[in-house]
Structures are given as structure tokens and as C-alpha cells.
Amino acid sequence: MNSLAMEERIEWLRAELRSTGSISLGDAAEALGVSEMTVRRDLRQLENEGVARRVRGGARHSEPASFQRRDSSRAAEKRLIAEKLLPLVPAQGLIVLDSSTTMYRLAALIPSAEALTVLTNNIQTFQVLQGRPGVTAELTGGRFDERSDSLIGPLAAATVEQLTPDVFFASTGGIDGDSCFESTVEEAALKKACARVSHRIVIGADTAKLDARDRAASVELDAVAALCTEVEPDDPQLAEYRKRVRQLL
């Protein structure tokens, strides 16, 4: 693609964010035939319009994304994170998986168990666990959020708060400062409830979500037992997080 005028670039970026949910500076610069600095300026305008939310290395669409759209974004990174998390899944007990596509991929990797109950607020995750020997999948209940294809609200939180899960596995919309962040207040509230009652919290998030905020704060980093990304624990990108999280995977 030859270099486009600013208005054309903005429209291309707007359409790309709407269709895929996120975009990287490098990919956008290559597609548009401009520098990454130019793309940053264009994304700043979309952020001012409320269309985009800038994250490390690119931007995300500011509205909650559907499961299908989220699943197609950074698929290789999510697959690697899920593979790294699989050894942390116990053979028995109770775990909670959030509505993220990363945890859906983790659920898909669980072949069997001894006596494991998996609670989730995501219908796709619930479905993929059906028929696994020794695995019982349960849904939280709650109101279906068409924006994110997840179950949310007081009923979902009340279900969680009656339990004491061994591990809460979650992804996040962003990690910045001392907190994780989510795209909706309701999702953040449910994750806070899961974090309060769980013995251990494990966060799986690709590096594009580091040093990035979303709409609502959820899990505090000092409560997180392990943070798993697609890179090695000694990667320079994780230098700051080595001070904040007990274990990097």
C-alpha cells in the first residue's frame, strides 16, 4: 500500500480496530507505508475520539470485543501462554477460569483429571470442557454480556463468593502500576470477587498488555502468585514486574 493521506490512514486504522480489536504499530506502519511515529499520532487522534485505547506497541479498540474477535488477536502468544499454564492446573479440586480467550485455550488443553471442577463465566470455555474424563465444568450464571460474550453481574459474583477455589486463572485487559485492568466495570467486579475467595491467583497476559490500562481496575498485583507471558521470565520487558509479582512464568 502506498503512503496515504491522514484522513485515509485514520479510516483504515478505525476499520482495522473495529474488525480485529487491536493493531500493532509495526503492522500498521508497514500496511500504511508510513513511520511508526506517524501511526502513533494517528492513534492519538482515535484515542481522543474514544475509538482506540493505546497499549504497548499499538492500540486496542476501546469497546469490549466479542469472543471471536478476541480469539483471533495475538493467537500464537495466547497459545504459548496456555501451554505454559497447563502444568499449574491441578488434577483435583476447584479452579476458576475467566472469560478470556487465553483461558479458553487453557481449558482446551486439559485432557483429563482425577476430580477437577472448573467454574467459568464463559460459555465457550464451558462447552470445550464437556466430555473430559474427571473434569466437571460449571457456569457461574448471571447476565449475558453481548459486548464480551461473558456472564456478569451480581448473580455471577454471588456464585463465586460462596466458594473457595484453589486457583483463579485469569487474563486481563492491561497491567499498569499496581493493578490489572478490564474493559468493563462488571468484568472487573467479578474478577475482584474471584480474587478475594481464591487461594492462588495466576494471571496469563501477553506483553502487549503490560504498561497498559483499560476502563476498570480489577486484581491487585500484590495478590498475584504468578504472571505468565509469552516471553521468558528473564526477558527485559519483565524487569519491572520481577519486583511486583512473586513468580514469573
C-alpha atoms as a PDB file:
ATOM      1  CA  MET A   1       0.000   0.000   0.000  1.00  0.00           C
ATOM      2  CA  ASN A   2       1.373   3.420  -0.900  1.00  0.00           C
ATOM      3  CA  SER A   3       1.503   6.118   1.742  1.00  0.00           C
ATOM      4  CA  LEU A   4      -1.981   7.536   2.385  1.00  0.00           C
ATOM      5  CA  ALA A   5      -3.248  10.928   3.461  1.00  0.00           C
ATOM      6  CA  MET A   6      -4.014  11.376   7.149  1.00  0.00           C
ATOM      7  CA  GLU A   7      -7.801  11.077   6.717  1.00  0.00           C
ATOM      8  CA  GLU A   8      -7.402   7.826   4.791  1.00  0.00           C
ATOM      9  CA  ARG A   9      -4.981   6.434   7.371  1.00  0.00           C
ATOM     10  CA  ILE A  10      -7.381   7.272  10.201  1.00  0.00           C
ATOM     11  CA  GLU A  11     -10.242   5.495   8.440  1.00  0.00           C
ATOM     12  CA  TRP A  12      -8.058   2.457   7.736  1.00  0.00           C
ATOM     13  CA  LEU A  13      -6.990   2.283  11.381  1.00  0.00           C
ATOM     14  CA  ARG A  14     -10.580   2.740  12.551  1.00  0.00           C
ATOM     15  CA  ALA A  15     -11.774  -0.126  10.333  1.00  0.00           C
ATOM     16  CA  GLU A  16      -8.889  -2.384  11.375  1.00  0.00           C
ATOM     17  CA  LEU A  17      -9.532  -1.806  15.069  1.00  0.00           C
ATOM     18  CA  ARG A  18     -13.235  -2.459  14.606  1.00  0.00           C
ATOM     19  CA  SER A  19     -12.671  -5.724  12.731  1.00  0.00           C
ATOM     20  CA  THR A  20      -9.733  -7.210  14.680  1.00  0.00           C
ATOM     21  CA  GLY A  21      -9.904  -5.489  18.060  1.00  0.00           C
ATOM     22  CA  SER A  22      -6.235  -4.472  18.142  1.00  0.00           C
ATOM     23  CA  ILE A  23      -3.327  -3.472  15.961  1.00  0.00           C
ATOM     24  CA  SER A  24       0.442  -3.206  16.354  1.00  0.00           C
ATOM     25  CA  LEU A  25       2.464  -0.143  15.404  1.00  0.00           C
ATOM     26  CA  GLY A  26       4.768  -2.194  13.185  1.00  0.00           C
ATOM     27  CA  ASP A  27       1.983  -3.876  11.229  1.00  0.00           C
ATOM     28  CA  ALA A  28       0.085  -0.617  10.761  1.00  0.00           C
ATOM     29  CA  ALA A  29       3.192   1.291   9.667  1.00  0.00           C
ATOM     30  CA  GLU A  30       4.045  -1.401   7.108  1.00  0.00           C
ATOM     31  CA  ALA A  31       0.494  -1.593   5.770  1.00  0.00           C
ATOM     32  CA  LEU A  32       0.121   2.185   5.505  1.00  0.00           C
ATOM     33  CA  GLY A  33       3.625   2.898   4.209  1.00  0.00           C
ATOM     34  CA  VAL A  34       4.452   5.381   6.974  1.00  0.00           C
ATOM     35  CA  SER A  35       6.635   5.510  10.080  1.00  0.00           C
ATOM     36  CA  GLU A  36       5.575   4.169  13.474  1.00  0.00           C
ATOM     37  CA  MET A  37       5.732   7.744  14.782  1.00  0.00           C
ATOM     38  CA  THR A  38       3.077   8.741  12.228  1.00  0.00           C
ATOM     39  CA  VAL A  39       0.886   5.820  13.292  1.00  0.00           C
ATOM     40  CA  ARG A  40       1.257   6.891  16.932  1.00  0.00           C
ATOM     41  CA  ARG A  41      -0.027  10.365  16.036  1.00  0.00           C
ATOM     42  CA  ASP A  42      -2.973   8.894  14.151  1.00  0.00           C
ATOM     43  CA  LEU A  43      -3.817   6.580  17.034  1.00  0.00           C
ATOM     44  CA  ARG A  44      -3.657   9.510  19.433  1.00  0.00           C
ATOM     45  CA  GLN A  45      -6.439  11.153  17.433  1.00  0.00           C
ATOM     46  CA  LEU A  46      -8.541   7.982  17.562  1.00  0.00           C
ATOM     47  CA  GLU A  47      -7.904   7.798  21.296  1.00  0.00           C
ATOM     48  CA  ASN A  48      -9.129  11.369  21.686  1.00  0.00           C
ATOM     49  CA  GLU A  49     -12.277  10.359  19.801  1.00  0.00           C
ATOM     50  CA  GLY A  50     -12.804   7.452  22.183  1.00  0.00           C
ATOM     51  CA  VAL A  51     -12.320   4.863  19.430  1.00  0.00           C
ATOM     52  CA  ALA A  52      -8.917   3.480  20.467  1.00  0.00           C
ATOM     53  CA  ARG A  53      -7.028   2.789  23.650  1.00  0.00           C
ATOM     54  CA  ARG A  54      -3.261   2.841  23.188  1.00  0.00           C
ATOM     55  CA  VAL A  55      -1.257  -0.040  24.650  1.00  0.00           C
ATOM     56  CA  ARG A  56       2.400  -1.026  24.478  1.00  0.00           C
ATOM     57  CA  GLY A  57       3.347  -1.422  20.818  1.00  0.00           C
ATOM     58  CA  GLY A  58      -0.021  -0.468  19.365  1.00  0.00           C
ATOM     59  CA  ALA A  59      -3.654   0.078  20.258  1.00  0.00           C
ATOM     60  CA  ARG A  60      -6.889  -1.732  21.070  1.00  0.00           C
ATOM     61  CA  HIS A  61     -10.452  -0.931  20.170  1.00  0.00           C
ATOM     62  CA  SER A  62     -11.953   0.922  23.092  1.00  0.00           C
ATOM     63  CA  GLU A  63     -15.175  -1.101  23.248  1.00  0.00           C
ATOM     64  CA  PRO A  64     -15.310  -4.638  24.685  1.00  0.00           C
ATOM     65  CA  ALA A  65     -14.603  -7.139  21.930  1.00  0.00           C
ATOM     66  CA  SER A  66     -16.554 -10.279  21.111  1.00  0.00           C
ATOM     67  CA  PHE A  67     -15.076 -13.671  21.901  1.00  0.00           C
ATOM     68  CA  GLN A  68     -14.464 -14.409  18.211  1.00  0.00           C
ATOM     69  CA  ARG A  69     -12.638 -11.135  17.630  1.00  0.00           C
ATOM     70  CA  ARG A  70     -10.528 -11.528  20.772  1.00  0.00           C
ATOM     71  CA  ASP A  71      -9.673 -15.115  19.881  1.00  0.00           C
ATOM     72  CA  SER A  72      -8.135 -14.090  16.558  1.00  0.00           C
ATOM     73  CA  SER A  73      -5.911 -11.422  18.139  1.00  0.00           C
ATOM     74  CA  ARG A  74      -2.358 -12.486  19.102  1.00  0.00           C
ATOM     75  CA  ALA A  75      -3.360 -16.135  18.834  1.00  0.00           C
ATOM     76  CA  ALA A  76       0.213 -17.502  18.860  1.00  0.00           C
ATOM     77  CA  GLU A  77       1.038 -15.660  22.084  1.00  0.00           C
ATOM     78  CA  LYS A  78      -2.140 -16.893  23.773  1.00  0.00           C
ATOM     79  CA  ARG A  79      -1.435 -20.468  22.726  1.00  0.00           C
ATOM     80  CA  LEU A  80       2.062 -20.319  24.227  1.00  0.00           C
ATOM     81  CA  ILE A  81       0.767 -18.820  27.476  1.00  0.00           C
ATOM     82  CA  ALA A  82      -1.851 -21.556  27.748  1.00  0.00           C
ATOM     83  CA  GLU A  83       0.806 -24.235  27.234  1.00  0.00           C
ATOM     84  CA  LYS A  84       2.958 -22.705  29.982  1.00  0.00           C
ATOM     85  CA  LEU A  85      -0.015 -22.575  32.368  1.00  0.00           C
ATOM     86  CA  LEU A  86      -1.187 -26.148  31.833  1.00  0.00           C
ATOM     87  CA  PRO A  87       1.222 -27.680  34.429  1.00  0.00           C
ATOM     88  CA  LEU A  88      -0.351 -25.394  37.071  1.00  0.00           C
ATOM     89  CA  VAL A  89      -3.802 -26.939  36.620  1.00  0.00           C
ATOM     90  CA  PRO A  90      -4.363 -29.389  39.488  1.00  0.00           C
ATOM     91  CA  ALA A  91      -5.645 -32.920  38.936  1.00  0.00           C
ATOM     92  CA  GLN A  92      -8.366 -32.383  41.529  1.00  0.00           C
ATOM     93  CA  GLY A  93     -10.065 -29.572  43.372  1.00  0.00           C
ATOM     94  CA  LEU A  94     -11.771 -26.406  42.162  1.00  0.00           C
ATOM     95  CA  ILE A  95     -10.395 -23.795  39.793  1.00  0.00           C
ATOM     96  CA  VAL A  96     -11.918 -20.726  38.174  1.00  0.00           C
ATOM     97  CA  LEU A  97     -11.220 -19.688  34.583  1.00  0.00           C
ATOM     98  CA  ASP A  98     -12.222 -16.192  33.497  1.00  0.00           C
ATOM     99  CA  SER A  99     -13.938 -15.347  30.208  1.00  0.00           C
ATOM    100  CA  SER A 100     -10.718 -14.607  28.316  1.00  0.00           C
ATOM    101  CA  THR A 101      -9.750 -16.406  25.125  1.00  0.00           C
ATOM    102  CA  THR A 102      -6.392 -17.216  26.731  1.00  0.00           C
ATOM    103  CA  MET A 103      -8.122 -19.244  29.451  1.00  0.00           C
ATOM    104  CA  TYR A 104     -10.382 -20.802  26.824  1.00  0.00           C
ATOM    105  CA  ARG A 105      -7.202 -22.075  25.175  1.00  0.00           C
ATOM    106  CA  LEU A 106      -6.002 -23.372  28.542  1.00  0.00           C
ATOM    107  CA  ALA A 107      -9.294 -25.222  29.038  1.00  0.00           C
ATOM    108  CA  ALA A 108      -8.971 -26.777  25.588  1.00  0.00           C
ATOM    109  CA  LEU A 109      -5.585 -28.227  26.575  1.00  0.00           C
ATOM    110  CA  ILE A 110      -6.850 -30.047  29.700  1.00  0.00           C
ATOM    111  CA  PRO A 111      -7.083 -33.680  28.535  1.00  0.00           C
ATOM    112  CA  SER A 112      -8.429 -35.221  31.731  1.00  0.00           C
ATOM    113  CA  ALA A 113      -8.172 -35.044  35.515  1.00  0.00           C
ATOM    114  CA  GLU A 114      -8.862 -37.055  38.645  1.00  0.00           C
ATOM    115  CA  ALA A 115     -11.677 -34.969  40.117  1.00  0.00           C
ATOM    116  CA  LEU A 116     -11.400 -31.393  38.886  1.00  0.00           C
ATOM    117  CA  THR A 117     -14.243 -28.866  38.898  1.00  0.00           C
ATOM    118  CA  VAL A 118     -13.814 -25.859  36.604  1.00  0.00           C
ATOM    119  CA  LEU A 119     -16.029 -22.813  37.160  1.00  0.00           C
ATOM    120  CA  THR A 120     -16.177 -20.206  34.394  1.00  0.00           C
ATOM    121  CA  ASN A 121     -18.292 -17.271  33.249  1.00  0.00           C
ATOM    122  CA  ASN A 122     -17.582 -18.030  29.588  1.00  0.00           C
ATOM    123  CA  ILE A 123     -19.920 -20.281  27.612  1.00  0.00           C
ATOM    124  CA  GLN A 124     -17.266 -21.321  25.069  1.00  0.00           C
ATOM    125  CA  THR A 125     -14.923 -22.413  27.853  1.00  0.00           C
ATOM    126  CA  PHE A 126     -17.753 -24.351  29.493  1.00  0.00           C
ATOM    127  CA  GLN A 127     -18.506 -26.093  26.197  1.00  0.00           C
ATOM    128  CA  VAL A 128     -14.923 -27.035  25.355  1.00  0.00           C
ATOM    129  CA  LEU A 129     -14.583 -28.869  28.690  1.00  0.00           C
ATOM    130  CA  GLN A 130     -17.508 -31.191  28.050  1.00  0.00           C
ATOM    131  CA  GLY A 131     -16.615 -34.874  27.835  1.00  0.00           C
ATOM    132  CA  ARG A 132     -13.211 -34.579  29.523  1.00  0.00           C
ATOM    133  CA  PRO A 133     -12.689 -37.536  31.886  1.00  0.00           C
ATOM    134  CA  GLY A 134     -12.566 -36.433  35.522  1.00  0.00           C
ATOM    135  CA  VAL A 135     -13.470 -32.819  34.681  1.00  0.00           C
ATOM    136  CA  THR A 136     -16.750 -31.180  35.713  1.00  0.00           C
ATOM    137  CA  ALA A 137     -17.472 -27.806  34.128  1.00  0.00           C
ATOM    138  CA  GLU A 138     -19.810 -25.328  35.825  1.00  0.00           C
ATOM    139  CA  LEU A 139     -21.115 -21.918  34.729  1.00  0.00           C
ATOM    140  CA  THR A 140     -21.388 -19.041  37.188  1.00  0.00           C
ATOM    141  CA  GLY A 141     -24.771 -17.946  35.926  1.00  0.00           C
ATOM    142  CA  GLY A 142     -25.505 -14.244  35.640  1.00  0.00           C
ATOM    143  CA  ARG A 143     -26.440 -11.806  32.911  1.00  0.00           C
ATOM    144  CA  PHE A 144     -25.089 -12.437  29.421  1.00  0.00           C
ATOM    145  CA  ASP A 145     -22.987  -9.510  28.202  1.00  0.00           C
ATOM    146  CA  GLU A 146     -23.268  -9.356  24.406  1.00  0.00           C
ATOM    147  CA  ARG A 147     -20.303  -6.978  24.274  1.00  0.00           C
ATOM    148  CA  SER A 148     -17.847  -9.550  25.591  1.00  0.00           C
ATOM    149  CA  ASP A 149     -19.731 -12.884  25.346  1.00  0.00           C
ATOM    150  CA  SER A 150     -19.395 -13.460  29.099  1.00  0.00           C
ATOM    151  CA  LEU A 151     -21.668 -13.867  32.113  1.00  0.00           C
ATOM    152  CA  ILE A 152     -21.500 -10.962  34.555  1.00  0.00           C
ATOM    153  CA  GLY A 153     -23.444  -9.218  37.285  1.00  0.00           C
ATOM    154  CA  PRO A 154     -24.457  -9.812  40.922  1.00  0.00           C
ATOM    155  CA  LEU A 155     -25.603 -13.408  40.383  1.00  0.00           C
ATOM    156  CA  ALA A 156     -22.255 -14.401  38.859  1.00  0.00           C
ATOM    157  CA  ALA A 157     -20.392 -12.729  41.733  1.00  0.00           C
ATOM    158  CA  ALA A 158     -22.674 -14.324  44.357  1.00  0.00           C
ATOM    159  CA  THR A 159     -21.938 -17.781  42.945  1.00  0.00           C
ATOM    160  CA  VAL A 160     -18.203 -17.217  43.183  1.00  0.00           C
ATOM    161  CA  GLU A 161     -18.347 -15.759  46.684  1.00  0.00           C
ATOM    162  CA  GLN A 162     -19.850 -18.963  48.088  1.00  0.00           C
ATOM    163  CA  LEU A 163     -16.753 -20.943  47.044  1.00  0.00           C
ATOM    164  CA  THR A 164     -13.061 -21.250  47.944  1.00  0.00           C
ATOM    165  CA  PRO A 165     -11.292 -22.065  44.655  1.00  0.00           C
ATOM    166  CA  ASP A 166      -7.786 -23.471  44.721  1.00  0.00           C
ATOM    167  CA  VAL A 167      -6.648 -21.342  41.772  1.00  0.00           C
ATOM    168  CA  PHE A 168      -8.134 -18.420  39.855  1.00  0.00           C
ATOM    169  CA  PHE A 169      -6.721 -18.329  36.319  1.00  0.00           C
ATOM    170  CA  ALA A 170      -7.339 -15.049  34.514  1.00  0.00           C
ATOM    171  CA  SER A 171      -6.116 -12.867  31.720  1.00  0.00           C
ATOM    172  CA  THR A 172      -6.552  -9.102  31.742  1.00  0.00           C
ATOM    173  CA  GLY A 173      -7.128  -6.103  29.525  1.00  0.00           C
ATOM    174  CA  GLY A 174      -3.992  -4.394  30.797  1.00  0.00           C
ATOM    175  CA  ILE A 175      -1.473  -4.237  33.632  1.00  0.00           C
ATOM    176  CA  ASP A 176      -0.211  -0.909  34.882  1.00  0.00           C
ATOM    177  CA  GLY A 177       1.115   0.309  38.197  1.00  0.00           C
ATOM    178  CA  ASP A 178      -0.184  -1.995  40.909  1.00  0.00           C
ATOM    179  CA  SER A 179      -3.310  -3.283  39.175  1.00  0.00           C
ATOM    180  CA  CYS A 180      -4.785  -5.291  36.365  1.00  0.00           C
ATOM    181  CA  PHE A 181      -7.480  -3.596  34.286  1.00  0.00           C
ATOM    182  CA  GLU A 182     -10.594  -4.751  32.408  1.00  0.00           C
ATOM    183  CA  SER A 183     -12.690  -3.342  29.587  1.00  0.00           C
ATOM    184  CA  THR A 184     -15.911  -3.220  31.642  1.00  0.00           C
ATOM    185  CA  VAL A 185     -16.708  -2.349  35.238  1.00  0.00           C
ATOM    186  CA  GLU A 186     -18.803  -5.526  35.547  1.00  0.00           C
ATOM    187  CA  GLU A 187     -15.974  -7.814  34.442  1.00  0.00           C
ATOM    188  CA  ALA A 188     -13.602  -6.065  36.845  1.00  0.00           C
ATOM    189  CA  ALA A 189     -16.063  -6.543  39.728  1.00  0.00           C
ATOM    190  CA  LEU A 190     -16.391 -10.267  39.012  1.00  0.00           C
ATOM    191  CA  LYS A 191     -12.627 -10.728  38.869  1.00  0.00           C
ATOM    192  CA  LYS A 192     -12.252  -8.924  42.177  1.00  0.00           C
ATOM    193  CA  ALA A 193     -14.733 -11.367  43.689  1.00  0.00           C
ATOM    194  CA  CYS A 194     -12.834 -14.339  42.248  1.00  0.00           C
ATOM    195  CA  ALA A 195      -9.556 -12.971  43.586  1.00  0.00           C
ATOM    196  CA  ARG A 196     -10.974 -12.440  47.103  1.00  0.00           C
ATOM    197  CA  VAL A 197     -12.052 -16.053  47.569  1.00  0.00           C
ATOM    198  CA  SER A 198      -9.287 -17.927  45.714  1.00  0.00           C
ATOM    199  CA  HIS A 199      -6.231 -19.381  47.442  1.00  0.00           C
ATOM    200  CA  ARG A 200      -3.976 -18.567  44.470  1.00  0.00           C
ATOM    201  CA  ILE A 201      -4.242 -16.118  41.577  1.00  0.00           C
ATOM    202  CA  VAL A 202      -2.474 -16.722  38.283  1.00  0.00           C
ATOM    203  CA  ILE A 203      -2.523 -14.120  35.520  1.00  0.00           C
ATOM    204  CA  GLY A 204      -1.757 -15.004  31.898  1.00  0.00           C
ATOM    205  CA  ALA A 205      -1.281 -11.998  29.639  1.00  0.00           C
ATOM    206  CA  ASP A 206       0.793 -11.271  26.551  1.00  0.00           C
ATOM    207  CA  THR A 207       3.362  -8.487  26.693  1.00  0.00           C
ATOM    208  CA  ALA A 208       1.197  -6.090  24.668  1.00  0.00           C
ATOM    209  CA  LYS A 209      -0.899  -5.732  27.822  1.00  0.00           C
ATOM    210  CA  LEU A 210       2.000  -4.645  30.021  1.00  0.00           C
ATOM    211  CA  ASP A 211       2.092  -0.969  30.995  1.00  0.00           C
ATOM    212  CA  ALA A 212      -1.415  -0.557  29.575  1.00  0.00           C
ATOM    213  CA  ARG A 213      -4.672   0.476  31.225  1.00  0.00           C
ATOM    214  CA  ASP A 214      -8.281  -0.254  30.430  1.00  0.00           C
ATOM    215  CA  ARG A 215     -11.535   1.073  31.889  1.00  0.00           C
ATOM    216  CA  ALA A 216     -11.671  -0.501  35.338  1.00  0.00           C
ATOM    217  CA  ALA A 217      -9.118  -1.803  37.846  1.00  0.00           C
ATOM    218  CA  SER A 218      -9.533  -5.408  38.948  1.00  0.00           C
ATOM    219  CA  VAL A 219      -6.928  -7.680  40.589  1.00  0.00           C
ATOM    220  CA  GLU A 220      -4.126  -6.063  42.576  1.00  0.00           C
ATOM    221  CA  LEU A 221      -0.656  -7.232  41.549  1.00  0.00           C
ATOM    222  CA  ASP A 222       0.479  -7.852  45.100  1.00  0.00           C
ATOM    223  CA  ALA A 223      -2.195 -10.573  45.319  1.00  0.00           C
ATOM    224  CA  VAL A 224      -0.947 -12.365  42.187  1.00  0.00           C
ATOM    225  CA  ALA A 225       1.080 -15.527  42.793  1.00  0.00           C
ATOM    226  CA  ALA A 226       2.288 -15.905  39.201  1.00  0.00           C
ATOM    227  CA  LEU A 227       2.321 -13.862  35.998  1.00  0.00           C
ATOM    228  CA  CYS A 228       2.707 -15.780  32.760  1.00  0.00           C
ATOM    229  CA  THR A 229       3.577 -14.160  29.424  1.00  0.00           C
ATOM    230  CA  GLU A 230       4.752 -15.466  26.060  1.00  0.00           C
ATOM    231  CA  VAL A 231       8.371 -14.466  26.751  1.00  0.00           C
ATOM    232  CA  GLU A 232      10.956 -15.966  29.101  1.00  0.00           C
ATOM    233  CA  PRO A 233      10.922 -14.774  32.741  1.00  0.00           C
ATOM    234  CA  ASP A 234      14.318 -13.065  32.332  1.00  0.00           C
ATOM    235  CA  ASP A 235      13.163 -11.026  29.320  1.00  0.00           C
ATOM    236  CA  PRO A 236      13.975  -7.294  29.766  1.00  0.00           C
ATOM    237  CA  GLN A 237      10.292  -6.426  29.174  1.00  0.00           C
ATOM    238  CA  LEU A 238       9.504  -8.039  32.521  1.00  0.00           C
ATOM    239  CA  ALA A 239      12.171  -6.255  34.576  1.00  0.00           C
ATOM    240  CA  GLU A 240       9.681  -4.075  36.436  1.00  0.00           C
ATOM    241  CA  TYR A 241       7.320  -6.990  37.081  1.00  0.00           C
ATOM    242  CA  ARG A 242      10.018  -9.091  38.686  1.00  0.00           C
ATOM    243  CA  LYS A 243       9.762  -6.665  41.606  1.00  0.00           C
ATOM    244  CA  ARG A 244       5.960  -6.819  41.864  1.00  0.00           C
ATOM    245  CA  VAL A 245       4.952 -10.440  41.265  1.00  0.00           C
ATOM    246  CA  ARG A 246       6.109 -13.435  43.272  1.00  0.00           C
ATOM    247  CA  GLN A 247       6.717 -15.654  40.235  1.00  0.00           C
ATOM    248  CA  LEU A 248       7.140 -15.045  36.500  1.00  0.00           C
ATOM    249  CA  LEU A 249       6.466 -17.824  34.024  1.00  0.00           C
END
